Amino acid sequence: MATVKDFSVEEKLVAVLTLQKIDSKIDEIRTLKGELPMEVKDLEDEIEGLKTRLGNIDAEIDSINSFINTKTEGKKEAQALIKKYEKQQDNVKNNREFEAINKEIELQELEVKLNEKHIKDANFEQKERANQRIKAEEKIAEVEVALTAKKAELEKIIADTEKEEKELSKRSEEAKEKVDARLISAYDRIRNSYRNGLAVVPVLRDSCGGCFNVIPPQRQSEIRQRKKILVCEHCGRVLVDNDLNETVKLGS
């Protein structure tokens, strides 16, 4: 079996160009997925946050209910004391005892009113939390609908492309075996430098197919000879002639 060093420059150019076309196809598939994986994750996180909020609201409602129960008991105790003191008034022996009991009744009446105010305020807070809970539940339902749709969309794309992407990834690794380490290193570096992932480009209309700067005629002639691996002086991409670019097909 021939090693990478045994391949001619033209064969190496064909190999790296094939690699580029395979990787570009993989890029297309991943672009098709677009932001969907991130959108799905964001929606899942939003639902988790809303459920946490719902749990906090429930805890607040429980706390308010407990507070209302405490104040209700306090009100009952004060009312019971009022009745007790009122009975004691019937048996007082002098005005001083009467006034003392009357003061206790007034204190308990204030306690009743204070508890009633606390209960009223707490009931208002309870309604507020109940409304917040309804809104949180509605928002969860709304986000879950969006999440279901996004997941279905993503799953369809994955189902349609997963097999192809795996096959292309395998072919990409096989293509790399025909390219020497230095060229692969340069290829990976250039691919990572540009958003479109193009490291190997044809000369089109006398210009670099990557940065569109003009390629001098002499340089174009050398590129067509395929005796050296030449790069664009402006963007560093590997250049191939358009005939070679048209000849190399991705295939199936």
C-alpha atoms as a PDB file:
ATOM      1  CA  MET A   1       0.000   0.000   0.000  1.00  0.00           C
ATOM      2  CA  ALA A   2       1.288   3.438  -0.896  1.00  0.00           C
ATOM      3  CA  THR A   3       2.188   5.774   1.950  1.00  0.00           C
ATOM      4  CA  VAL A   4       1.310   9.468   1.944  1.00  0.00           C
ATOM      5  CA  LYS A   5       4.848  10.272   0.793  1.00  0.00           C
ATOM      6  CA  ASP A   6       4.392   8.024  -2.248  1.00  0.00           C
ATOM      7  CA  PHE A   7       1.466  10.074  -3.575  1.00  0.00           C
ATOM      8  CA  SER A   8       2.166  12.703  -6.217  1.00  0.00           C
ATOM      9  CA  VAL A   9       1.387  16.377  -5.577  1.00  0.00           C
ATOM     10  CA  GLU A  10      -1.674  16.076  -7.806  1.00  0.00           C
ATOM     11  CA  GLU A  11      -2.891  13.050  -5.851  1.00  0.00           C
ATOM     12  CA  LYS A  12      -2.386  14.959  -2.608  1.00  0.00           C
ATOM     13  CA  LEU A  13      -4.334  17.898  -4.039  1.00  0.00           C
ATOM     14  CA  VAL A  14      -7.135  15.546  -5.051  1.00  0.00           C
ATOM     15  CA  ALA A  15      -7.101  14.041  -1.542  1.00  0.00           C
ATOM     16  CA  VAL A  16      -7.204  17.379   0.283  1.00  0.00           C
ATOM     17  CA  LEU A  17      -9.833  18.729  -2.144  1.00  0.00           C
ATOM     18  CA  THR A  18     -11.939  15.600  -1.582  1.00  0.00           C
ATOM     19  CA  LEU A  19     -11.505  16.095   2.151  1.00  0.00           C
ATOM     20  CA  GLN A  20     -12.677  19.692   1.796  1.00  0.00           C
ATOM     21  CA  LYS A  21     -15.790  18.659  -0.121  1.00  0.00           C
ATOM     22  CA  ILE A  22     -16.621  15.988   2.449  1.00  0.00           C
ATOM     23  CA  ASP A  23     -16.123  18.397   5.346  1.00  0.00           C
ATOM     24  CA  SER A  24     -18.135  21.093   3.571  1.00  0.00           C
ATOM     25  CA  LYS A  25     -21.011  18.635   3.206  1.00  0.00           C
ATOM     26  CA  ILE A  26     -20.782  17.842   6.931  1.00  0.00           C
ATOM     27  CA  ASP A  27     -20.845  21.603   7.584  1.00  0.00           C
ATOM     28  CA  GLU A  28     -24.010  21.887   5.479  1.00  0.00           C
ATOM     29  CA  ILE A  29     -25.728  19.194   7.552  1.00  0.00           C
ATOM     30  CA  ARG A  30     -24.714  20.885  10.799  1.00  0.00           C
ATOM     31  CA  THR A  31     -25.876  24.229   9.448  1.00  0.00           C
ATOM     32  CA  LEU A  32     -29.211  22.591   8.648  1.00  0.00           C
ATOM     33  CA  LYS A  33     -29.521  21.771  12.344  1.00  0.00           C
ATOM     34  CA  GLY A  34     -28.550  25.374  12.962  1.00  0.00           C
ATOM     35  CA  GLU A  35     -29.325  26.698  16.405  1.00  0.00           C
ATOM     36  CA  LEU A  36     -31.913  23.987  17.097  1.00  0.00           C
ATOM     37  CA  PRO A  37     -29.834  22.011  19.665  1.00  0.00           C
ATOM     38  CA  MET A  38     -29.115  25.241  21.548  1.00  0.00           C
ATOM     39  CA  GLU A  39     -32.745  26.359  21.280  1.00  0.00           C
ATOM     40  CA  VAL A  40     -33.922  23.002  22.649  1.00  0.00           C
ATOM     41  CA  LYS A  41     -31.461  23.288  25.558  1.00  0.00           C
ATOM     42  CA  ASP A  42     -32.563  26.881  26.274  1.00  0.00           C
ATOM     43  CA  LEU A  43     -36.223  25.846  26.326  1.00  0.00           C
ATOM     44  CA  GLU A  44     -35.456  22.905  28.621  1.00  0.00           C
ATOM     45  CA  ASP A  45     -33.557  25.242  30.952  1.00  0.00           C
ATOM     46  CA  GLU A  46     -36.438  27.729  30.872  1.00  0.00           C
ATOM     47  CA  ILE A  47     -38.924  25.002  31.840  1.00  0.00           C
ATOM     48  CA  GLU A  48     -36.618  23.868  34.645  1.00  0.00           C
ATOM     49  CA  GLY A  49     -36.394  27.465  35.883  1.00  0.00           C
ATOM     50  CA  LEU A  50     -40.160  27.889  35.730  1.00  0.00           C
ATOM     51  CA  LYS A  51     -40.708  24.662  37.645  1.00  0.00           C
ATOM     52  CA  THR A  52     -38.277  25.876  40.291  1.00  0.00           C
ATOM     53  CA  ARG A  53     -40.241  29.134  40.421  1.00  0.00           C
ATOM     54  CA  LEU A  54     -43.444  27.123  40.767  1.00  0.00           C
ATOM     55  CA  GLY A  55     -41.937  25.201  43.672  1.00  0.00           C
ATOM     56  CA  ASN A  56     -40.916  28.456  45.349  1.00  0.00           C
ATOM     57  CA  ILE A  57     -44.428  29.876  44.895  1.00  0.00           C
ATOM     58  CA  ASP A  58     -45.939  26.715  46.428  1.00  0.00           C
ATOM     59  CA  ALA A  59     -43.561  27.044  49.382  1.00  0.00           C
ATOM     60  CA  GLU A  60     -44.593  30.686  49.788  1.00  0.00           C
ATOM     61  CA  ILE A  61     -48.293  29.730  49.634  1.00  0.00           C
ATOM     62  CA  ASP A  62     -47.726  27.040  52.292  1.00  0.00           C
ATOM     63  CA  SER A  63     -45.958  29.601  54.467  1.00  0.00           C
ATOM     64  CA  ILE A  64     -48.814  32.103  54.014  1.00  0.00           C
ATOM     65  CA  ASN A  65     -51.392  29.410  54.853  1.00  0.00           C
ATOM     66  CA  SER A  66     -49.445  28.539  57.972  1.00  0.00           C
ATOM     67  CA  PHE A  67     -49.327  32.244  58.908  1.00  0.00           C
ATOM     68  CA  ILE A  68     -53.091  32.600  58.331  1.00  0.00           C
ATOM     69  CA  ASN A  69     -53.763  29.548  60.504  1.00  0.00           C
ATOM     70  CA  THR A  70     -51.587  30.971  63.282  1.00  0.00           C
ATOM     71  CA  LYS A  71     -53.324  34.360  63.148  1.00  0.00           C
ATOM     72  CA  THR A  72     -56.757  32.696  62.994  1.00  0.00           C
ATOM     73  CA  GLU A  73     -55.937  30.744  66.143  1.00  0.00           C
ATOM     74  CA  GLY A  74     -54.678  33.952  67.733  1.00  0.00           C
ATOM     75  CA  LYS A  75     -57.947  35.675  66.865  1.00  0.00           C
ATOM     76  CA  LYS A  76     -59.973  32.794  68.358  1.00  0.00           C
ATOM     77  CA  GLU A  77     -57.918  32.853  71.539  1.00  0.00           C
ATOM     78  CA  ALA A  78     -58.418  36.618  71.882  1.00  0.00           C
ATOM     79  CA  GLN A  79     -62.173  36.247  71.286  1.00  0.00           C
ATOM     80  CA  ALA A  80     -62.316  33.461  73.899  1.00  0.00           C
ATOM     81  CA  LEU A  81     -60.524  35.694  76.376  1.00  0.00           C
ATOM     82  CA  ILE A  82     -62.970  38.525  75.654  1.00  0.00           C
ATOM     83  CA  LYS A  83     -65.882  36.238  76.523  1.00  0.00           C
ATOM     84  CA  LYS A  84     -64.085  35.088  79.648  1.00  0.00           C
ATOM     85  CA  TYR A  85     -63.411  38.650  80.781  1.00  0.00           C
ATOM     86  CA  GLU A  86     -66.963  39.716  79.981  1.00  0.00           C
ATOM     87  CA  LYS A  87     -68.265  36.988  82.338  1.00  0.00           C
ATOM     88  CA  GLN A  88     -65.812  38.113  85.011  1.00  0.00           C
ATOM     89  CA  GLN A  89     -67.217  41.629  84.768  1.00  0.00           C
ATOM     90  CA  ASP A  90     -70.531  40.306  86.059  1.00  0.00           C
ATOM     91  CA  ASN A  91     -68.860  39.315  89.315  1.00  0.00           C
ATOM     92  CA  VAL A  92     -66.619  42.303  89.997  1.00  0.00           C
ATOM     93  CA  LYS A  93     -66.698  43.788  93.475  1.00  0.00           C
ATOM     94  CA  ASN A  94     -65.501  47.296  92.692  1.00  0.00           C
ATOM     95  CA  ASN A  95     -64.817  49.776  89.926  1.00  0.00           C
ATOM     96  CA  ARG A  96     -61.067  49.121  89.981  1.00  0.00           C
ATOM     97  CA  GLU A  97     -61.592  45.447  89.141  1.00  0.00           C
ATOM     98  CA  PHE A  98     -64.114  46.432  86.485  1.00  0.00           C
ATOM     99  CA  GLU A  99     -61.681  48.878  84.863  1.00  0.00           C
ATOM    100  CA  ALA A 100     -58.860  46.341  84.980  1.00  0.00           C
ATOM    101  CA  ILE A 101     -60.969  43.699  83.275  1.00  0.00           C
ATOM    102  CA  ASN A 102     -62.276  46.288  80.801  1.00  0.00           C
ATOM    103  CA  LYS A 103     -58.692  47.165  79.868  1.00  0.00           C
ATOM    104  CA  GLU A 104     -57.942  43.483  79.276  1.00  0.00           C
ATOM    105  CA  ILE A 105     -61.010  43.273  77.030  1.00  0.00           C
ATOM    106  CA  GLU A 106     -59.837  46.300  75.053  1.00  0.00           C
ATOM    107  CA  LEU A 107     -56.387  44.736  74.649  1.00  0.00           C
ATOM    108  CA  GLN A 108     -57.919  41.514  73.355  1.00  0.00           C
ATOM    109  CA  GLU A 109     -60.202  43.448  71.005  1.00  0.00           C
ATOM    110  CA  LEU A 110     -57.092  45.153  69.591  1.00  0.00           C
ATOM    111  CA  GLU A 111     -55.512  41.716  69.268  1.00  0.00           C
ATOM    112  CA  VAL A 112     -58.550  40.514  67.314  1.00  0.00           C
ATOM    113  CA  LYS A 113     -58.357  43.508  64.975  1.00  0.00           C
ATOM    114  CA  LEU A 114     -54.606  43.085  64.507  1.00  0.00           C
ATOM    115  CA  ASN A 115     -55.029  39.403  63.686  1.00  0.00           C
ATOM    116  CA  GLU A 116     -57.857  40.237  61.279  1.00  0.00           C
ATOM    117  CA  LYS A 117     -55.599  42.776  59.518  1.00  0.00           C
ATOM    118  CA  HIS A 118     -52.790  40.207  59.277  1.00  0.00           C
ATOM    119  CA  ILE A 119     -55.232  37.628  57.900  1.00  0.00           C
ATOM    120  CA  LYS A 120     -56.609  40.119  55.365  1.00  0.00           C
ATOM    121  CA  ASP A 121     -53.114  41.090  54.194  1.00  0.00           C
ATOM    122  CA  ALA A 122     -52.080  37.433  54.038  1.00  0.00           C
ATOM    123  CA  ASN A 123     -55.168  36.535  51.997  1.00  0.00           C
ATOM    124  CA  PHE A 124     -54.227  39.281  49.544  1.00  0.00           C
ATOM    125  CA  GLU A 125     -50.667  37.883  49.321  1.00  0.00           C
ATOM    126  CA  GLN A 126     -52.123  34.412  48.863  1.00  0.00           C
ATOM    127  CA  LYS A 127     -54.212  35.599  45.885  1.00  0.00           C
ATOM    128  CA  GLU A 128     -51.129  37.266  44.409  1.00  0.00           C
ATOM    129  CA  ARG A 129     -49.137  34.044  44.706  1.00  0.00           C
ATOM    130  CA  ALA A 130     -52.051  32.056  43.268  1.00  0.00           C
ATOM    131  CA  ASN A 131     -52.097  34.384  40.241  1.00  0.00           C
ATOM    132  CA  GLN A 132     -48.326  34.049  39.884  1.00  0.00           C
ATOM    133  CA  ARG A 133     -48.723  30.273  40.022  1.00  0.00           C
ATOM    134  CA  ILE A 134     -51.347  30.304  37.270  1.00  0.00           C
ATOM    135  CA  LYS A 135     -49.096  32.474  35.084  1.00  0.00           C
ATOM    136  CA  ALA A 136     -46.118  30.194  35.720  1.00  0.00           C
ATOM    137  CA  GLU A 137     -48.182  27.115  34.813  1.00  0.00           C
ATOM    138  CA  GLU A 138     -49.436  28.826  31.651  1.00  0.00           C
ATOM    139  CA  LYS A 139     -45.870  29.794  30.723  1.00  0.00           C
ATOM    140  CA  ILE A 140     -44.652  26.232  31.326  1.00  0.00           C
ATOM    141  CA  ALA A 141     -47.422  24.904  29.053  1.00  0.00           C
ATOM    142  CA  GLU A 142     -46.520  27.485  26.392  1.00  0.00           C
ATOM    143  CA  VAL A 143     -42.796  26.675  26.540  1.00  0.00           C
ATOM    144  CA  GLU A 144     -43.494  22.922  26.524  1.00  0.00           C
ATOM    145  CA  VAL A 145     -45.448  23.331  23.272  1.00  0.00           C
ATOM    146  CA  ALA A 146     -42.508  25.224  21.749  1.00  0.00           C
ATOM    147  CA  LEU A 147     -40.066  22.613  23.085  1.00  0.00           C
ATOM    148  CA  THR A 148     -42.091  19.746  21.608  1.00  0.00           C
ATOM    149  CA  ALA A 149     -42.100  21.458  18.224  1.00  0.00           C
ATOM    150  CA  LYS A 150     -38.360  22.211  18.323  1.00  0.00           C
ATOM    151  CA  LYS A 151     -37.540  18.669  19.441  1.00  0.00           C
ATOM    152  CA  ALA A 152     -39.670  17.202  16.655  1.00  0.00           C
ATOM    153  CA  GLU A 153     -37.945  19.456  14.124  1.00  0.00           C
ATOM    154  CA  LEU A 154     -34.496  18.532  15.424  1.00  0.00           C
ATOM    155  CA  GLU A 155     -35.283  14.816  15.614  1.00  0.00           C
ATOM    156  CA  LYS A 156     -36.516  14.847  12.027  1.00  0.00           C
ATOM    157  CA  ILE A 157     -33.308  16.511  10.827  1.00  0.00           C
ATOM    158  CA  ILE A 158     -31.227  14.064  12.868  1.00  0.00           C
ATOM    159  CA  ALA A 159     -33.200  11.114  11.507  1.00  0.00           C
ATOM    160  CA  ASP A 160     -32.768  12.401   7.953  1.00  0.00           C
ATOM    161  CA  THR A 161     -29.066  13.212   8.239  1.00  0.00           C
ATOM    162  CA  GLU A 162     -27.530  11.110  11.029  1.00  0.00           C
ATOM    163  CA  LYS A 163     -26.596   8.193   8.790  1.00  0.00           C
ATOM    164  CA  GLU A 164     -25.187  10.498   6.114  1.00  0.00           C
ATOM    165  CA  GLU A 165     -23.222  12.534   8.659  1.00  0.00           C
ATOM    166  CA  LYS A 166     -21.689   9.396  10.185  1.00  0.00           C
ATOM    167  CA  GLU A 167     -20.728   8.103   6.747  1.00  0.00           C
ATOM    168  CA  LEU A 168     -19.228  11.449   5.770  1.00  0.00           C
ATOM    169  CA  SER A 169     -17.284  11.655   9.037  1.00  0.00           C
ATOM    170  CA  LYS A 170     -15.863   8.205   8.317  1.00  0.00           C
ATOM    171  CA  ARG A 171     -14.930   9.256   4.775  1.00  0.00           C
ATOM    172  CA  SER A 172     -13.345  12.425   6.147  1.00  0.00           C
ATOM    173  CA  GLU A 173     -11.052  10.363   8.378  1.00  0.00           C
ATOM    174  CA  GLU A 174     -10.196   8.051   5.456  1.00  0.00           C
ATOM    175  CA  ALA A 175      -9.406  11.046   3.228  1.00  0.00           C
ATOM    176  CA  LYS A 176      -7.053  12.451   5.867  1.00  0.00           C
ATOM    177  CA  GLU A 177      -4.970   9.285   5.624  1.00  0.00           C
ATOM    178  CA  LYS A 178      -3.996  10.300   2.078  1.00  0.00           C
ATOM    179  CA  VAL A 179      -2.803  13.757   3.143  1.00  0.00           C
ATOM    180  CA  ASP A 180       0.526  14.281   4.914  1.00  0.00           C
ATOM    181  CA  ALA A 181       0.532  15.558   8.489  1.00  0.00           C
ATOM    182  CA  ARG A 182       1.852  19.051   7.668  1.00  0.00           C
ATOM    183  CA  LEU A 183      -0.846  19.632   5.046  1.00  0.00           C
ATOM    184  CA  ILE A 184      -3.546  18.300   7.382  1.00  0.00           C
ATOM    185  CA  SER A 185      -2.305  20.613  10.121  1.00  0.00           C
ATOM    186  CA  ALA A 186      -2.457  23.593   7.746  1.00  0.00           C
ATOM    187  CA  TYR A 187      -5.845  22.461   6.446  1.00  0.00           C
ATOM    188  CA  ASP A 188      -7.334  22.230   9.955  1.00  0.00           C
ATOM    189  CA  ARG A 189      -5.820  25.572  10.957  1.00  0.00           C
ATOM    190  CA  ILE A 190      -7.212  27.352   7.892  1.00  0.00           C
ATOM    191  CA  ARG A 191     -10.647  25.706   8.256  1.00  0.00           C
ATOM    192  CA  ASN A 192     -10.866  26.892  11.838  1.00  0.00           C
ATOM    193  CA  SER A 193      -9.861  30.411  10.806  1.00  0.00           C
ATOM    194  CA  TYR A 194     -12.856  31.007   8.562  1.00  0.00           C
ATOM    195  CA  ARG A 195     -16.552  30.752   9.379  1.00  0.00           C
ATOM    196  CA  ASN A 196     -17.320  29.015   6.085  1.00  0.00           C
ATOM    197  CA  GLY A 197     -14.703  26.350   6.841  1.00  0.00           C
ATOM    198  CA  LEU A 198     -13.103  26.601   3.388  1.00  0.00           C
ATOM    199  CA  ALA A 199      -9.410  25.715   3.403  1.00  0.00           C
ATOM    200  CA  VAL A 200      -9.166  24.490  -0.222  1.00  0.00           C
ATOM    201  CA  VAL A 201     -10.693  26.642  -2.944  1.00  0.00           C
ATOM    202  CA  PRO A 202     -10.609  26.810  -6.740  1.00  0.00           C
ATOM    203  CA  VAL A 203      -9.434  29.734  -8.811  1.00  0.00           C
ATOM    204  CA  LEU A 204     -12.580  31.274 -10.274  1.00  0.00           C
ATOM    205  CA  ARG A 205     -12.552  34.137 -12.771  1.00  0.00           C
ATOM    206  CA  ASP A 206      -8.856  34.739 -12.086  1.00  0.00           C
ATOM    207  CA  SER A 207      -9.526  35.149  -8.372  1.00  0.00           C
ATOM    208  CA  CYS A 208      -9.189  33.136  -5.161  1.00  0.00           C
ATOM    209  CA  GLY A 209     -12.433  31.289  -4.471  1.00  0.00           C
ATOM    210  CA  GLY A 210     -12.088  32.128  -0.803  1.00  0.00           C
ATOM    211  CA  CYS A 211     -11.113  35.785  -0.439  1.00  0.00           C
ATOM    212  CA  PHE A 212     -11.756  36.802  -4.106  1.00  0.00           C
ATOM    213  CA  ASN A 213      -8.409  38.548  -4.487  1.00  0.00           C
ATOM    214  CA  VAL A 214      -6.909  38.398  -8.001  1.00  0.00           C
ATOM    215  CA  ILE A 215      -4.429  35.600  -8.685  1.00  0.00           C
ATOM    216  CA  PRO A 216      -1.641  36.636 -11.117  1.00  0.00           C
ATOM    217  CA  PRO A 217      -1.549  34.748 -14.470  1.00  0.00           C
ATOM    218  CA  GLN A 218       1.865  33.186 -13.734  1.00  0.00           C
ATOM    219  CA  ARG A 219       0.571  31.902 -10.409  1.00  0.00           C
ATOM    220  CA  GLN A 220      -2.529  30.484 -12.102  1.00  0.00           C
ATOM    221  CA  SER A 221      -0.308  28.669 -14.583  1.00  0.00           C
ATOM    222  CA  GLU A 222       1.642  27.042 -11.736  1.00  0.00           C
ATOM    223  CA  ILE A 223      -1.597  26.034 -10.064  1.00  0.00           C
ATOM    224  CA  ARG A 224      -2.814  24.337 -13.241  1.00  0.00           C
ATOM    225  CA  GLN A 225       0.413  22.352 -13.484  1.00  0.00           C
ATOM    226  CA  ARG A 226      -0.311  20.716 -10.116  1.00  0.00           C
ATOM    227  CA  LYS A 227       3.374  20.254  -9.333  1.00  0.00           C
ATOM    228  CA  LYS A 228       3.342  22.232  -6.110  1.00  0.00           C
ATOM    229  CA  ILE A 229       0.853  22.904  -3.374  1.00  0.00           C
ATOM    230  CA  LEU A 230       0.239  26.633  -3.639  1.00  0.00           C
ATOM    231  CA  VAL A 231      -1.695  28.901  -1.310  1.00  0.00           C
ATOM    232  CA  CYS A 232      -3.368  32.259  -1.738  1.00  0.00           C
ATOM    233  CA  GLU A 233      -0.973  35.030  -0.726  1.00  0.00           C
ATOM    234  CA  HIS A 234      -3.871  36.954   0.832  1.00  0.00           C
ATOM    235  CA  CYS A 235      -5.900  34.423   2.823  1.00  0.00           C
ATOM    236  CA  GLY A 236      -3.587  31.387   2.999  1.00  0.00           C
ATOM    237  CA  ARG A 237      -6.106  28.948   1.502  1.00  0.00           C
ATOM    238  CA  VAL A 238      -4.843  26.081  -0.655  1.00  0.00           C
ATOM    239  CA  LEU A 239      -5.565  26.847  -4.303  1.00  0.00           C
ATOM    240  CA  VAL A 240      -6.593  24.355  -7.008  1.00  0.00           C
ATOM    241  CA  ASP A 241      -7.516  24.948 -10.617  1.00  0.00           C
ATOM    242  CA  ASN A 242     -11.194  24.879 -11.477  1.00  0.00           C
ATOM    243  CA  ASP A 243     -10.845  21.884 -13.810  1.00  0.00           C
ATOM    244  CA  LEU A 244      -9.583  19.781 -10.899  1.00  0.00           C
ATOM    245  CA  ASN A 245     -12.324  21.193  -8.690  1.00  0.00           C
ATOM    246  CA  GLU A 246     -14.972  20.161 -11.236  1.00  0.00           C
ATOM    247  CA  THR A 247     -13.413  16.736 -11.672  1.00  0.00           C
ATOM    248  CA  VAL A 248     -13.415  15.838  -7.978  1.00  0.00           C
ATOM    249  CA  LYS A 249     -16.921  14.838  -7.029  1.00  0.00           C
ATOM    250  CA  LEU A 250     -18.157  13.946  -3.587  1.00  0.00           C
ATOM    251  CA  GLY A 251     -20.112  10.980  -4.892  1.00  0.00           C
ATOM    252  CA  SER A 252     -22.241   8.736  -2.746  1.00  0.00           C
END
